[in-house]
N, C-alpha and C. Protein backbone atom coordinates (compact mmCIF):
# COMPACT_ATOMS: atom_id res chain seq x y z
N UNK A 1 -30.76 -43.32 44.84
CA UNK A 1 -31.92 -44.36 44.85
C UNK A 1 -32.76 -44.24 43.64
N UNK A 2 -33.28 -45.27 43.28
CA UNK A 2 -34.27 -45.29 42.05
C UNK A 2 -35.43 -44.27 42.16
N UNK A 3 -35.71 -43.58 41.35
CA UNK A 3 -36.83 -42.61 41.35
C UNK A 3 -38.12 -43.23 41.30
N UNK A 4 -38.16 -44.56 40.83
CA UNK A 4 -39.36 -45.08 40.70
C UNK A 4 -39.94 -45.74 42.14
N UNK A 5 -41.01 -45.62 42.53
CA UNK A 5 -41.66 -46.13 43.70
C UNK A 5 -41.67 -47.63 43.75
N UNK A 6 -41.91 -48.17 44.89
CA UNK A 6 -41.91 -49.56 45.21
C UNK A 6 -43.17 -50.16 44.38
N UNK A 7 -44.17 -49.38 44.30
CA UNK A 7 -45.40 -49.87 43.61
C UNK A 7 -45.11 -50.33 42.11
N UNK A 8 -44.40 -49.35 41.51
CA UNK A 8 -44.07 -49.55 40.14
C UNK A 8 -43.04 -50.78 39.84
N UNK A 9 -42.15 -50.90 40.89
CA UNK A 9 -41.24 -52.00 40.75
C UNK A 9 -42.01 -53.40 40.96
N UNK A 10 -42.81 -53.40 42.06
CA UNK A 10 -43.79 -54.49 42.11
C UNK A 10 -44.53 -54.77 40.80
N UNK A 11 -45.10 -53.72 40.25
CA UNK A 11 -45.92 -54.03 38.98
C UNK A 11 -45.03 -54.62 37.90
N UNK A 12 -43.73 -54.11 37.72
CA UNK A 12 -42.82 -54.48 36.79
C UNK A 12 -42.74 -56.00 36.89
N UNK A 13 -42.50 -56.44 38.26
CA UNK A 13 -42.10 -57.87 38.54
C UNK A 13 -43.44 -58.54 38.15
N UNK A 14 -44.68 -58.21 38.59
CA UNK A 14 -45.87 -58.99 38.26
C UNK A 14 -45.92 -59.01 36.83
N UNK A 15 -45.75 -57.97 36.06
CA UNK A 15 -45.89 -58.09 34.58
C UNK A 15 -44.92 -59.22 33.91
N UNK A 16 -43.77 -59.22 34.59
CA UNK A 16 -42.89 -60.17 34.08
C UNK A 16 -43.40 -61.65 34.22
N UNK A 17 -43.83 -61.71 35.49
CA UNK A 17 -44.27 -63.06 36.01
C UNK A 17 -45.48 -63.50 35.08
N UNK A 18 -46.34 -62.67 34.80
CA UNK A 18 -47.58 -62.84 34.02
C UNK A 18 -47.13 -63.18 32.51
N UNK A 19 -46.10 -62.37 31.99
CA UNK A 19 -45.53 -62.76 30.83
C UNK A 19 -45.11 -64.26 30.65
N UNK A 20 -44.18 -64.55 31.51
CA UNK A 20 -43.63 -65.99 31.74
C UNK A 20 -44.70 -66.91 31.79
N UNK A 21 -45.85 -66.71 32.62
CA UNK A 21 -46.85 -67.71 32.72
C UNK A 21 -47.79 -67.89 31.25
N UNK A 22 -47.96 -66.71 30.73
CA UNK A 22 -48.61 -66.90 29.30
C UNK A 22 -47.69 -67.63 28.26
N UNK A 23 -46.42 -67.20 28.38
CA UNK A 23 -45.46 -68.00 27.23
C UNK A 23 -45.16 -69.30 27.67
N UNK A 24 -45.50 -69.77 28.69
CA UNK A 24 -44.98 -71.37 29.08
C UNK A 24 -46.29 -72.08 29.34
N UNK A 25 -47.48 -71.57 29.31
CA UNK A 25 -48.64 -72.21 29.50
C UNK A 25 -48.97 -73.31 28.49
N UNK A 26 -49.30 -74.37 28.88
CA UNK A 26 -49.73 -75.58 27.88
C UNK A 26 -48.64 -76.32 27.22
N UNK A 27 -47.25 -75.94 27.70
CA UNK A 27 -46.05 -76.62 27.04
C UNK A 27 -45.47 -77.39 28.22
N UNK A 28 -44.81 -78.52 27.62
CA UNK A 28 -43.97 -79.28 28.50
C UNK A 28 -42.57 -78.61 28.78
N UNK A 29 -41.88 -79.15 29.98
CA UNK A 29 -40.55 -78.77 29.99
C UNK A 29 -39.61 -79.16 28.87
N UNK A 30 -39.84 -80.35 28.17
CA UNK A 30 -39.09 -80.49 27.02
C UNK A 30 -39.32 -79.59 25.84
N UNK A 31 -40.58 -79.35 25.69
CA UNK A 31 -40.97 -78.26 24.46
C UNK A 31 -40.23 -76.98 24.98
N UNK A 32 -40.26 -76.57 26.10
CA UNK A 32 -39.78 -75.33 26.67
C UNK A 32 -38.25 -75.28 26.34
N UNK A 33 -37.56 -76.41 26.68
CA UNK A 33 -36.11 -76.37 26.69
C UNK A 33 -35.67 -76.59 25.23
N UNK A 34 -36.57 -77.07 24.32
CA UNK A 34 -36.13 -77.22 23.03
C UNK A 34 -36.28 -75.99 22.10
N UNK A 35 -37.24 -75.05 22.53
CA UNK A 35 -37.57 -73.87 22.05
C UNK A 35 -36.48 -72.69 22.48
N UNK A 36 -35.40 -72.56 21.68
CA UNK A 36 -34.49 -71.61 22.21
C UNK A 36 -34.92 -70.09 22.33
N UNK A 37 -35.68 -69.78 21.39
CA UNK A 37 -36.18 -68.33 21.44
C UNK A 37 -37.06 -68.22 22.61
N UNK A 38 -37.94 -69.01 22.98
CA UNK A 38 -38.58 -68.90 24.01
C UNK A 38 -37.89 -69.07 25.48
N UNK A 39 -37.11 -70.11 25.42
CA UNK A 39 -36.13 -70.08 26.56
C UNK A 39 -35.33 -68.77 26.94
N UNK A 40 -34.74 -68.30 25.78
CA UNK A 40 -34.02 -67.04 26.04
C UNK A 40 -34.88 -65.81 26.48
N UNK A 41 -36.06 -65.75 26.01
CA UNK A 41 -37.10 -64.75 26.39
C UNK A 41 -37.40 -64.83 27.96
N UNK A 42 -37.61 -66.15 28.24
CA UNK A 42 -37.85 -66.39 29.79
C UNK A 42 -36.77 -66.01 30.63
N UNK A 43 -35.45 -66.24 30.26
CA UNK A 43 -34.45 -66.00 30.95
C UNK A 43 -34.22 -64.36 31.09
N UNK A 44 -34.62 -63.65 29.91
CA UNK A 44 -34.51 -62.28 30.01
C UNK A 44 -35.49 -61.77 30.94
N UNK A 45 -36.60 -62.30 31.06
CA UNK A 45 -37.63 -61.73 32.00
C UNK A 45 -37.22 -62.01 33.45
N UNK A 46 -36.79 -63.25 33.66
CA UNK A 46 -36.35 -63.48 35.11
C UNK A 46 -34.90 -62.56 35.13
N UNK A 47 -34.11 -62.32 34.37
CA UNK A 47 -32.92 -61.47 34.67
C UNK A 47 -33.65 -60.11 34.94
N UNK A 48 -34.60 -59.68 34.36
CA UNK A 48 -35.28 -58.38 34.57
C UNK A 48 -35.66 -58.26 35.98
N UNK A 49 -36.32 -59.36 36.54
CA UNK A 49 -36.92 -59.51 37.91
C UNK A 49 -35.76 -59.27 38.90
N UNK A 50 -34.68 -60.01 38.63
CA UNK A 50 -33.49 -59.98 39.52
C UNK A 50 -32.87 -58.73 39.55
N UNK A 51 -32.76 -57.99 38.32
CA UNK A 51 -32.09 -56.92 38.23
C UNK A 51 -32.84 -55.74 38.92
N UNK A 52 -34.12 -55.76 38.92
CA UNK A 52 -35.04 -54.76 39.58
C UNK A 52 -35.05 -54.83 41.04
N UNK A 53 -34.81 -56.10 41.50
CA UNK A 53 -34.80 -56.26 42.95
C UNK A 53 -33.34 -56.03 43.46
N UNK A 54 -32.36 -56.32 42.72
CA UNK A 54 -30.84 -56.03 43.14
C UNK A 54 -30.82 -54.54 43.19
N UNK A 55 -31.13 -53.87 42.26
CA UNK A 55 -31.00 -52.45 42.18
C UNK A 55 -31.64 -51.78 43.52
N UNK A 56 -32.87 -52.26 43.50
CA UNK A 56 -33.65 -51.91 44.83
C UNK A 56 -32.80 -52.20 46.28
N UNK A 57 -32.51 -53.29 46.36
CA UNK A 57 -31.69 -53.75 47.52
C UNK A 57 -30.43 -52.90 47.65
N UNK A 58 -29.71 -52.58 46.55
CA UNK A 58 -28.48 -51.91 46.57
C UNK A 58 -28.72 -50.55 46.94
N UNK A 59 -29.72 -49.74 46.30
CA UNK A 59 -30.24 -48.38 46.64
C UNK A 59 -30.71 -48.37 48.28
N UNK A 60 -31.34 -49.36 48.90
CA UNK A 60 -31.77 -49.35 50.10
C UNK A 60 -30.46 -49.42 51.03
N UNK A 61 -29.50 -50.29 50.72
CA UNK A 61 -28.32 -50.33 51.50
C UNK A 61 -27.43 -48.91 51.58
N UNK A 62 -27.34 -48.37 50.17
CA UNK A 62 -26.81 -47.02 50.18
C UNK A 62 -27.48 -46.11 50.92
N UNK A 63 -28.65 -46.11 50.98
CA UNK A 63 -29.42 -45.09 51.87
C UNK A 63 -29.23 -45.14 53.33
N UNK A 64 -29.08 -46.35 53.64
CA UNK A 64 -28.99 -46.75 55.25
C UNK A 64 -27.69 -46.31 55.63
N UNK A 65 -26.43 -46.34 54.75
CA UNK A 65 -25.26 -45.93 55.11
C UNK A 65 -25.02 -44.43 55.33
N UNK A 66 -25.99 -43.70 54.39
CA UNK A 66 -25.81 -42.34 54.31
C UNK A 66 -26.44 -41.67 55.67
């Protein structure tokens, strides 16, 4: 299981969400979709959130089987 506590995982997720909100504030969807660098950075942040939670869920399943 991950050595990081759940509080740190939640903090990572909240930081990623905050970053996404800051980067997309005040722009339209069309502007967002047209900005490849911004689009890629947001996908990276979303991927990080999904990875952190998938890793945690997998760790929990492994611990329950043990």
